[in-house]
Amino acid sequence: MNIGGSKVPAIGLGTWHMGDSASTRADEIKALQEGIHAGARVIDTAEMYGNGRSESLVGEAIKDLQRDDLFIIDKVLPSNASASRMEHSLDTSLKLV
């Protein structure tokens, strides 16, 4: 698939249930990093996964990587789908990731 002139891989890494437990945080970050090093370039997350902790895990996992090569898919809660709430939600997500 192409988006904005960039070829986006059809397969990526999902983060549902990541961030649910502080005791697995290091392993989850490592899993994301290993997936990226193995060639994954798409990461799917959402503000509702782990109450936002999934987004911060993604941010931690990619902090030292070349972000131009990655595609981050993020989603907002349905209750944040209005224009004013979505802007705030997206700003928060961008800071975490």
PDB file of N, CA and C in Angstrom:
ATOM      1  N   MET A   1       0.844  -1.159   0.000  1.00  0.00           N
ATOM      2  CA  MET A   1       0.000   0.000   0.000  1.00  0.00           C
ATOM      3  C   MET A   1       0.902   1.238   0.000  1.00  0.00           C
ATOM      4  N   ASN A   2       0.489   2.273  -0.689  1.00  0.00           N
ATOM      5  CA  ASN A   2       1.228   3.529  -0.705  1.00  0.00           C
ATOM      6  C   ASN A   2       0.406   4.625  -0.037  1.00  0.00           C
ATOM      7  N   ILE A   3       1.047   5.356   0.836  1.00  0.00           N
ATOM      8  CA  ILE A   3       0.419   6.504   1.488  1.00  0.00           C
ATOM      9  C   ILE A   3       1.386   7.671   1.384  1.00  0.00           C
ATOM     10  N   GLY A   4       0.953   8.728   0.747  1.00  0.00           N
ATOM     11  CA  GLY A   4       1.791   9.915   0.622  1.00  0.00           C
ATOM     12  C   GLY A   4       3.118   9.632  -0.067  1.00  0.00           C
ATOM     13  N   GLY A   5       3.129   8.701  -0.998  1.00  0.00           N
ATOM     14  CA  GLY A   5       4.352   8.374  -1.710  1.00  0.00           C
ATOM     15  C   GLY A   5       5.252   7.372  -1.003  1.00  0.00           C
ATOM     16  N   SER A   6       4.852   6.929   0.177  1.00  0.00           N
ATOM     17  CA  SER A   6       5.640   5.951   0.928  1.00  0.00           C
ATOM     18  C   SER A   6       4.970   4.586   0.859  1.00  0.00           C
ATOM     19  N   LYS A   7       5.778   3.563   0.644  1.00  0.00           N
ATOM     20  CA  LYS A   7       5.251   2.205   0.642  1.00  0.00           C
ATOM     21  C   LYS A   7       5.096   1.744   2.090  1.00  0.00           C
ATOM     22  N   VAL A   8       3.857   1.448   2.477  1.00  0.00           N
ATOM     23  CA  VAL A   8       3.548   1.023   3.842  1.00  0.00           C
ATOM     24  C   VAL A   8       3.355  -0.486   3.839  1.00  0.00           C
ATOM     25  N   PRO A   9       4.127  -1.203   4.644  1.00  0.00           N
ATOM     26  CA  PRO A   9       3.962  -2.661   4.696  1.00  0.00           C
ATOM     27  C   PRO A   9       2.561  -3.053   5.158  1.00  0.00           C
ATOM     28  N   ALA A  10       2.088  -4.191   4.672  1.00  0.00           N
ATOM     29  CA  ALA A  10       0.751  -4.674   5.028  1.00  0.00           C
ATOM     30  C   ALA A  10       0.722  -5.318   6.404  1.00  0.00           C
ATOM     31  N   ILE A  11       1.870  -5.716   6.932  1.00  0.00           N
ATOM     32  CA  ILE A  11       1.929  -6.392   8.223  1.00  0.00           C
ATOM     33  C   ILE A  11       2.715  -5.527   9.204  1.00  0.00           C
ATOM     34  N   GLY A  12       2.226  -5.467  10.434  1.00  0.00           N
ATOM     35  CA  GLY A  12       2.915  -4.667  11.438  1.00  0.00           C
ATOM     36  C   GLY A  12       2.794  -5.284  12.818  1.00  0.00           C
ATOM     37  N   LEU A  13       3.150  -4.497  13.800  1.00  0.00           N
ATOM     38  CA  LEU A  13       3.120  -4.910  15.200  1.00  0.00           C
ATOM     39  C   LEU A  13       1.935  -4.252  15.893  1.00  0.00           C
ATOM     40  N   GLY A  14       1.175  -5.038  16.638  1.00  0.00           N
ATOM     41  CA  GLY A  14       0.068  -4.508  17.415  1.00  0.00           C
ATOM     42  C   GLY A  14       0.462  -4.383  18.877  1.00  0.00           C
ATOM     43  N   THR A  15      -0.165  -3.462  19.573  1.00  0.00           N
ATOM     44  CA  THR A  15       0.198  -3.222  20.972  1.00  0.00           C
ATOM     45  C   THR A  15      -0.971  -3.377  21.940  1.00  0.00           C
ATOM     46  N   TRP A  16      -2.043  -4.013  21.481  1.00  0.00           N
ATOM     47  CA  TRP A  16      -3.186  -4.239  22.371  1.00  0.00           C
ATOM     48  C   TRP A  16      -2.723  -5.072  23.551  1.00  0.00           C
ATOM     49  N   HIS A  17      -3.068  -4.705  24.726  1.00  0.00           N
ATOM     50  CA  HIS A  17      -2.680  -5.302  26.008  1.00  0.00           C
ATOM     51  C   HIS A  17      -1.270  -4.921  26.445  1.00  0.00           C
ATOM     52  N   MET A  18      -0.507  -4.252  25.614  1.00  0.00           N
ATOM     53  CA  MET A  18       0.785  -3.757  26.074  1.00  0.00           C
ATOM     54  C   MET A  18       0.531  -2.539  26.955  1.00  0.00           C
ATOM     55  N   GLY A  19       1.268  -2.463  28.044  1.00  0.00           N
ATOM     56  CA  GLY A  19       1.078  -1.371  28.988  1.00  0.00           C
ATOM     57  C   GLY A  19       0.095  -1.705  30.086  1.00  0.00           C
ATOM     58  N   ASP A  20      -0.481  -2.898  30.019  1.00  0.00           N
ATOM     59  CA  ASP A  20      -1.450  -3.283  31.053  1.00  0.00           C
ATOM     60  C   ASP A  20      -0.784  -3.551  32.399  1.00  0.00           C
ATOM     61  N   SER A  21       0.482  -3.967  32.384  1.00  0.00           N
ATOM     62  CA  SER A  21       1.160  -4.327  33.626  1.00  0.00           C
ATOM     63  C   SER A  21       2.579  -3.760  33.637  1.00  0.00           C
ATOM     64  N   ALA A  22       2.917  -3.067  34.699  1.00  0.00           N
ATOM     65  CA  ALA A  22       4.269  -2.506  34.830  1.00  0.00           C
ATOM     66  C   ALA A  22       5.323  -3.605  34.868  1.00  0.00           C
ATOM     67  N   SER A  23       4.954  -4.779  35.319  1.00  0.00           N
ATOM     68  CA  SER A  23       5.929  -5.870  35.440  1.00  0.00           C
ATOM     69  C   SER A  23       6.383  -6.424  34.092  1.00  0.00           C
ATOM     70  N   THR A  24       5.629  -6.136  33.027  1.00  0.00           N
ATOM     71  CA  THR A  24       6.017  -6.640  31.699  1.00  0.00           C
ATOM     72  C   THR A  24       6.542  -5.541  30.777  1.00  0.00           C
ATOM     73  N   ARG A  25       6.666  -4.324  31.290  1.00  0.00           N
ATOM     74  CA  ARG A  25       7.058  -3.174  30.460  1.00  0.00           C
ATOM     75  C   ARG A  25       8.371  -3.403  29.707  1.00  0.00           C
ATOM     76  N   ALA A  26       9.412  -3.828  30.390  1.00  0.00           N
ATOM     77  CA  ALA A  26      10.715  -4.019  29.741  1.00  0.00           C
ATOM     78  C   ALA A  26      10.630  -5.079  28.640  1.00  0.00           C
ATOM     79  N   ASP A  27       9.904  -6.163  28.906  1.00  0.00           N
ATOM     80  CA  ASP A  27       9.751  -7.214  27.894  1.00  0.00           C
ATOM     81  C   ASP A  27       8.958  -6.716  26.693  1.00  0.00           C
ATOM     82  N   GLU A  28       7.954  -5.891  26.927  1.00  0.00           N
ATOM     83  CA  GLU A  28       7.143  -5.353  25.832  1.00  0.00           C
ATOM     84  C   GLU A  28       7.957  -4.396  24.974  1.00  0.00           C
ATOM     85  N   ILE A  29       8.765  -3.562  25.582  1.00  0.00           N
ATOM     86  CA  ILE A  29       9.638  -2.657  24.833  1.00  0.00           C
ATOM     87  C   ILE A  29      10.623  -3.480  24.004  1.00  0.00           C
ATOM     88  N   LYS A  30      11.198  -4.488  24.613  1.00  0.00           N
ATOM     89  CA  LYS A  30      12.145  -5.355  23.905  1.00  0.00           C
ATOM     90  C   LYS A  30      11.464  -6.055  22.729  1.00  0.00           C
ATOM     91  N   ALA A  31      10.238  -6.525  22.914  1.00  0.00           N
ATOM     92  CA  ALA A  31       9.512  -7.196  21.839  1.00  0.00           C
ATOM     93  C   ALA A  31       9.286  -6.256  20.660  1.00  0.00           C
ATOM     94  N   LEU A  32       8.900  -5.013  20.947  1.00  0.00           N
ATOM     95  CA  LEU A  32       8.720  -4.032  19.875  1.00  0.00           C
ATOM     96  C   LEU A  32      10.036  -3.766  19.152  1.00  0.00           C
ATOM     97  N   GLN A  33      11.102  -3.584  19.896  1.00  0.00           N
ATOM     98  CA  GLN A  33      12.406  -3.313  19.291  1.00  0.00           C
ATOM     99  C   GLN A  33      12.871  -4.490  18.440  1.00  0.00           C
ATOM    100  N   GLU A  34      12.678  -5.702  18.930  1.00  0.00           N
ATOM    101  CA  GLU A  34      13.083  -6.879  18.158  1.00  0.00           C
ATOM    102  C   GLU A  34      12.259  -6.998  16.877  1.00  0.00           C
ATOM    103  N   GLY A  35      10.969  -6.694  16.965  1.00  0.00           N
ATOM    104  CA  GLY A  35      10.136  -6.710  15.769  1.00  0.00           C
ATOM    105  C   GLY A  35      10.600  -5.696  14.742  1.00  0.00           C
ATOM    106  N   ILE A  36      10.951  -4.517  15.200  1.00  0.00           N
ATOM    107  CA  ILE A  36      11.445  -3.472  14.295  1.00  0.00           C
ATOM    108  C   ILE A  36      12.775  -3.895  13.683  1.00  0.00           C
ATOM    109  N   HIS A  37      13.672  -4.417  14.500  1.00  0.00           N
ATOM    110  CA  HIS A  37      14.970  -4.871  13.981  1.00  0.00           C
ATOM    111  C   HIS A  37      14.818  -6.030  12.998  1.00  0.00           C
ATOM    112  N   ALA A  38      13.719  -6.788  13.122  1.00  0.00           N
ATOM    113  CA  ALA A  38      13.447  -7.890  12.195  1.00  0.00           C
ATOM    114  C   ALA A  38      12.791  -7.400  10.908  1.00  0.00           C
ATOM    115  N   GLY A  39      12.453  -6.097  10.858  1.00  0.00           N
ATOM    116  CA  GLY A  39      11.914  -5.537   9.623  1.00  0.00           C
ATOM    117  C   GLY A  39      10.526  -4.954   9.707  1.00  0.00           C
ATOM    118  N   ALA A  40       9.838  -5.088  10.829  1.00  0.00           N
ATOM    119  CA  ALA A  40       8.511  -4.486  10.960  1.00  0.00           C
ATOM    120  C   ALA A  40       8.636  -2.970  10.916  1.00  0.00           C
ATOM    121  N   ARG A  41       7.755  -2.329  10.205  1.00  0.00           N
ATOM    122  CA  ARG A  41       7.796  -0.869  10.074  1.00  0.00           C
ATOM    123  C   ARG A  41       6.482  -0.200  10.461  1.00  0.00           C
ATOM    124  N   VAL A  42       5.442  -0.996  10.718  1.00  0.00           N
ATOM    125  CA  VAL A  42       4.133  -0.480  11.112  1.00  0.00           C
ATOM    126  C   VAL A  42       3.879  -0.888  12.557  1.00  0.00           C
ATOM    127  N   ILE A  43       3.494   0.088  13.387  1.00  0.00           N
ATOM    128  CA  ILE A  43       3.129  -0.185  14.777  1.00  0.00           C
ATOM    129  C   ILE A  43       1.743   0.407  15.016  1.00  0.00           C
ATOM    130  N   ASP A  44       0.848  -0.421  15.519  1.00  0.00           N
ATOM    131  CA  ASP A  44      -0.520   0.000  15.789  1.00  0.00           C
ATOM    132  C   ASP A  44      -0.709   0.150  17.297  1.00  0.00           C
ATOM    133  N   THR A  45      -1.222   1.294  17.708  1.00  0.00           N
ATOM    134  CA  THR A  45      -1.479   1.555  19.122  1.00  0.00           C
ATOM    135  C   THR A  45      -2.757   2.383  19.243  1.00  0.00           C
ATOM    136  N   ALA A  46      -3.137   2.691  20.460  1.00  0.00           N
ATOM    137  CA  ALA A  46      -4.335   3.506  20.691  1.00  0.00           C
ATOM    138  C   ALA A  46      -4.283   4.072  22.097  1.00  0.00           C
ATOM    139  N   GLU A  47      -4.937   5.212  22.271  1.00  0.00           N
ATOM    140  CA  GLU A  47      -4.934   5.840  23.594  1.00  0.00           C
ATOM    141  C   GLU A  47      -5.634   4.981  24.637  1.00  0.00           C
ATOM    142  N   MET A  48      -6.504   4.091  24.204  1.00  0.00           N
ATOM    143  CA  MET A  48      -7.222   3.257  25.171  1.00  0.00           C
ATOM    144  C   MET A  48      -6.464   1.984  25.534  1.00  0.00           C
ATOM    145  N   TYR A  49      -5.391   1.663  24.823  1.00  0.00           N
ATOM    146  CA  TYR A  49      -4.598   0.474  25.157  1.00  0.00           C
ATOM    147  C   TYR A  49      -3.768   0.790  26.403  1.00  0.00           C
ATOM    148  N   GLY A  50      -4.049   0.108  27.469  1.00  0.00           N
ATOM    149  CA  GLY A  50      -3.321   0.342  28.722  1.00  0.00           C
ATOM    150  C   GLY A  50      -3.498   1.750  29.249  1.00  0.00           C
ATOM    151  N   ASN A  51      -4.639   2.387  28.927  1.00  0.00           N
ATOM    152  CA  ASN A  51      -4.898   3.776  29.351  1.00  0.00           C
ATOM    153  C   ASN A  51      -3.774   4.717  28.927  1.00  0.00           C
ATOM    154  N   GLY A  52      -3.285   4.545  27.709  1.00  0.00           N
ATOM    155  CA  GLY A  52      -2.231   5.411  27.181  1.00  0.00           C
ATOM    156  C   GLY A  52      -0.828   4.871  27.384  1.00  0.00           C
ATOM    157  N   ARG A  53      -0.691   3.873  28.226  1.00  0.00           N
ATOM    158  CA  ARG A  53       0.649   3.333  28.487  1.00  0.00           C
ATOM    159  C   ARG A  53       1.219   2.606  27.271  1.00  0.00           C
ATOM    160  N   SER A  54       0.363   2.093  26.413  1.00  0.00           N
ATOM    161  CA  SER A  54       0.842   1.463  25.181  1.00  0.00           C
ATOM    162  C   SER A  54       1.565   2.492  24.311  1.00  0.00           C
ATOM    163  N   GLU A  55       0.997   3.682  24.220  1.00  0.00           N
ATOM    164  CA  GLU A  55       1.634   4.743  23.429  1.00  0.00           C
ATOM    165  C   GLU A  55       3.003   5.108  23.998  1.00  0.00           C
ATOM    166  N   SER A  56       3.102   5.188  25.311  1.00  0.00           N
ATOM    167  CA  SER A  56       4.397   5.531  25.905  1.00  0.00           C
ATOM    168  C   SER A  56       5.406   4.391  25.719  1.00  0.00           C
ATOM    169  N   LEU A  57       4.933   3.142  25.700  1.00  0.00           N
ATOM    170  CA  LEU A  57       5.817   2.011  25.396  1.00  0.00           C
ATOM    171  C   LEU A  57       6.383   2.128  23.987  1.00  0.00           C
ATOM    172  N   VAL A  58       5.517   2.475  23.042  1.00  0.00           N
ATOM    173  CA  VAL A  58       5.973   2.654  21.661  1.00  0.00           C
ATOM    174  C   VAL A  58       7.012   3.763  21.617  1.00  0.00           C
ATOM    175  N   GLY A  59       6.734   4.874  22.290  1.00  0.00           N
ATOM    176  CA  GLY A  59       7.682   5.978  22.331  1.00  0.00           C
ATOM    177  C   GLY A  59       9.028   5.563  22.887  1.00  0.00           C
ATOM    178  N   GLU A  60       9.005   4.797  23.956  1.00  0.00           N
ATOM    179  CA  GLU A  60      10.241   4.314  24.566  1.00  0.00           C
ATOM    180  C   GLU A  60      10.976   3.358  23.621  1.00  0.00           C
ATOM    181  N   ALA A  61      10.227   2.481  22.964  1.00  0.00           N
ATOM    182  CA  ALA A  61      10.838   1.484  22.076  1.00  0.00           C
ATOM    183  C   ALA A  61      11.504   2.119  20.859  1.00  0.00           C
ATOM    184  N   ILE A  62      10.960   3.226  20.380  1.00  0.00           N
ATOM    185  CA  ILE A  62      11.485   3.821  19.140  1.00  0.00           C
ATOM    186  C   ILE A  62      12.305   5.085  19.369  1.00  0.00           C
ATOM    187  N   LYS A  63      12.550   5.449  20.621  1.00  0.00           N
ATOM    188  CA  LYS A  63      13.188   6.736  20.907  1.00  0.00           C
ATOM    189  C   LYS A  63      14.557   6.903  20.260  1.00  0.00           C
ATOM    190  N   ASP A  64      15.302   5.836  20.078  1.00  0.00           N
ATOM    191  CA  ASP A  64      16.636   5.938  19.492  1.00  0.00           C
ATOM    192  C   ASP A  64      16.684   5.458  18.049  1.00  0.00           C
ATOM    193  N   LEU A  65      15.522   5.256  17.433  1.00  0.00           N
ATOM    194  CA  LEU A  65      15.466   4.736  16.075  1.00  0.00           C
ATOM    195  C   LEU A  65      15.135   5.837  15.071  1.00  0.00           C
ATOM    196  N   GLN A  66      15.398   5.564  13.812  1.00  0.00           N
ATOM    197  CA  GLN A  66      15.067   6.487  12.725  1.00  0.00           C
ATOM    198  C   GLN A  66      13.556   6.435  12.494  1.00  0.00           C
ATOM    199  N   ARG A  67      12.853   7.438  12.961  1.00  0.00           N
ATOM    200  CA  ARG A  67      11.381   7.443  12.898  1.00  0.00           C
ATOM    201  C   ARG A  67      10.847   7.621  11.483  1.00  0.00           C
ATOM    202  N   ASP A  68      11.655   8.176  10.590  1.00  0.00           N
ATOM    203  CA  ASP A  68      11.186   8.371   9.216  1.00  0.00           C
ATOM    204  C   ASP A  68      10.892   7.052   8.524  1.00  0.00           C
ATOM    205  N   ASP A  69      11.431   5.965   9.039  1.00  0.00           N
ATOM    206  CA  ASP A  69      11.224   4.653   8.451  1.00  0.00           C
ATOM    207  C   ASP A  69      10.047   3.906   9.067  1.00  0.00           C
ATOM    208  N   LEU A  70       9.365   4.505  10.039  1.00  0.00           N
ATOM    209  CA  LEU A  70       8.291   3.832  10.752  1.00  0.00           C
ATOM    210  C   LEU A  70       6.935   4.471  10.449  1.00  0.00           C
ATOM    211  N   PHE A  71       5.901   3.671  10.547  1.00  0.00           N
ATOM    212  CA  PHE A  71       4.530   4.128  10.385  1.00  0.00           C
ATOM    213  C   PHE A  71       3.777   3.781  11.661  1.00  0.00           C
ATOM    214  N   ILE A  72       3.352   4.795  12.394  1.00  0.00           N
ATOM    215  CA  ILE A  72       2.641   4.594  13.646  1.00  0.00           C
ATOM    216  C   ILE A  72       1.155   4.846  13.393  1.00  0.00           C
ATOM    217  N   ILE A  73       0.355   3.842  13.669  1.00  0.00           N
ATOM    218  CA  ILE A  73      -1.100   3.968  13.565  1.00  0.00           C
ATOM    219  C   ILE A  73      -1.622   4.153  14.980  1.00  0.00           C
ATOM    220  N   ASP A  74      -2.363   5.219  15.200  1.00  0.00           N
ATOM    221  CA  ASP A  74      -2.895   5.493  16.532  1.00  0.00           C
ATOM    222  C   ASP A  74      -4.387   5.764  16.407  1.00  0.00           C
ATOM    223  N   LYS A  75      -5.111   5.449  17.449  1.00  0.00           N
ATOM    224  CA  LYS A  75      -6.555   5.629  17.429  1.00  0.00           C
ATOM    225  C   LYS A  75      -7.003   6.372  18.684  1.00  0.00           C
ATOM    226  N   VAL A  76      -8.123   7.081  18.552  1.00  0.00           N
ATOM    227  CA  VAL A  76      -8.679   7.804  19.693  1.00  0.00           C
ATOM    228  C   VAL A  76      -9.921   7.079  20.205  1.00  0.00           C
ATOM    229  N   LEU A  77     -10.234   7.320  21.454  1.00  0.00           N
ATOM    230  CA  LEU A  77     -11.472   6.790  22.025  1.00  0.00           C
ATOM    231  C   LEU A  77     -12.667   7.387  21.291  1.00  0.00           C
ATOM    232  N   PRO A  78     -13.735   6.646  21.108  1.00  0.00           N
ATOM    233  CA  PRO A  78     -14.925   7.226  20.476  1.00  0.00           C
ATOM    234  C   PRO A  78     -15.408   8.490  21.185  1.00  0.00           C
ATOM    235  N   SER A  79     -15.243   8.560  22.489  1.00  0.00           N
ATOM    236  CA  SER A  79     -15.667   9.758  23.226  1.00  0.00           C
ATOM    237  C   SER A  79     -14.794  10.971  22.907  1.00  0.00           C
ATOM    238  N   ASN A  80     -13.666  10.760  22.246  1.00  0.00           N
ATOM    239  CA  ASN A  80     -12.775  11.861  21.848  1.00  0.00           C
ATOM    240  C   ASN A  80     -12.850  12.139  20.353  1.00  0.00           C
ATOM    241  N   ALA A  81     -13.911  11.696  19.704  1.00  0.00           N
ATOM    242  CA  ALA A  81     -14.006  11.816  18.253  1.00  0.00           C
ATOM    243  C   ALA A  81     -14.498  13.180  17.759  1.00  0.00           C
ATOM    244  N   SER A  82     -14.910  14.070  18.644  1.00  0.00           N
ATOM    245  CA  SER A  82     -15.307  15.406  18.198  1.00  0.00           C
ATOM    246  C   SER A  82     -14.044  16.184  17.811  1.00  0.00           C
ATOM    247  N   ALA A  83     -14.203  17.208  17.000  1.00  0.00           N
ATOM    248  CA  ALA A  83     -13.045  17.969  16.515  1.00  0.00           C
ATOM    249  C   ALA A  83     -12.210  18.533  17.661  1.00  0.00           C
ATOM    250  N   SER A  84     -12.839  19.131  18.640  1.00  0.00           N
ATOM    251  CA  SER A  84     -12.072  19.754  19.727  1.00  0.00           C
ATOM    252  C   SER A  84     -11.390  18.713  20.608  1.00  0.00           C
ATOM    253  N   ARG A  85     -12.062  17.640  20.911  1.00  0.00           N
ATOM    254  CA  ARG A  85     -11.468  16.613  21.774  1.00  0.00           C
ATOM    255  C   ARG A  85     -10.420  15.799  21.020  1.00  0.00           C
ATOM    256  N   MET A  86     -10.642  15.589  19.724  1.00  0.00           N
ATOM    257  CA  MET A  86      -9.677  14.815  18.947  1.00  0.00           C
ATOM    258  C   MET A  86      -8.339  15.542  18.869  1.00  0.00           C
ATOM    259  N   GLU A  87      -8.360  16.842  18.687  1.00  0.00           N
ATOM    260  CA  GLU A  87      -7.116  17.605  18.619  1.00  0.00           C
ATOM    261  C   GLU A  87      -6.320  17.450  19.920  1.00  0.00           C
ATOM    262  N   HIS A  88      -6.982  17.574  21.041  1.00  0.00           N
ATOM    263  CA  HIS A  88      -6.308  17.396  22.334  1.00  0.00           C
ATOM    264  C   HIS A  88      -5.783  15.967  22.476  1.00  0.00           C
ATOM    265  N   SER A  89      -6.593  15.009  22.096  1.00  0.00           N
ATOM    266  CA  SER A  89      -6.207  13.603  22.188  1.00  0.00           C
ATOM    267  C   SER A  89      -4.985  13.313  21.321  1.00  0.00           C
ATOM    268  N   LEU A  90      -4.989  13.824  20.101  1.00  0.00           N
ATOM    269  CA  LEU A  90      -3.850  13.604  19.208  1.00  0.00           C
ATOM    270  C   LEU A  90      -2.591  14.291  19.722  1.00  0.00           C
ATOM    271  N   ASP A  91      -2.724  15.486  20.262  1.00  0.00           N
ATOM    272  CA  ASP A  91      -1.561  16.169  20.849  1.00  0.00           C
ATOM    273  C   ASP A  91      -0.955  15.339  21.982  1.00  0.00           C
ATOM    274  N   THR A  92      -1.811  14.796  22.821  1.00  0.00           N
ATOM    275  CA  THR A  92      -1.337  13.955  23.929  1.00  0.00           C
ATOM    276  C   THR A  92      -0.635  12.716  23.387  1.00  0.00           C
ATOM    277  N   SER A  93      -1.239  12.077  22.398  1.00  0.00           N
ATOM    278  CA  SER A  93      -0.641  10.868  21.811  1.00  0.00           C
ATOM    279  C   SER A  93       0.717  11.165  21.179  1.00  0.00           C
ATOM    280  N   LEU A  94       0.824  12.270  20.489  1.00  0.00           N
ATOM    281  CA  LEU A  94       2.104  12.631  19.858  1.00  0.00           C
ATOM    282  C   LEU A  94       3.205  12.833  20.893  1.00  0.00           C
ATOM    283  N   LYS A  95       2.850  13.388  22.033  1.00  0.00           N
ATOM    284  CA  LYS A  95       3.843  13.574  23.090  1.00  0.00           C
ATOM    285  C   LYS A  95       4.298  12.240  23.669  1.00  0.00           C
ATOM    286  N   LEU A  96       3.396  11.269  23.752  1.00  0.00           N
ATOM    287  CA  LEU A  96       3.735   9.965  24.318  1.00  0.00           C
ATOM    288  C   LEU A  96       4.552   9.116  23.353  1.00  0.00           C
ATOM    289  N   VAL A  97       4.182   9.166  22.090  1.00  0.00           N
ATOM    290  CA  VAL A  97       4.869   8.359  21.086  1.00  0.00           C
ATOM    291  C   VAL A  97       6.105   9.098  20.625  1.00  0.00           C
TER     292      VAL A  97
END
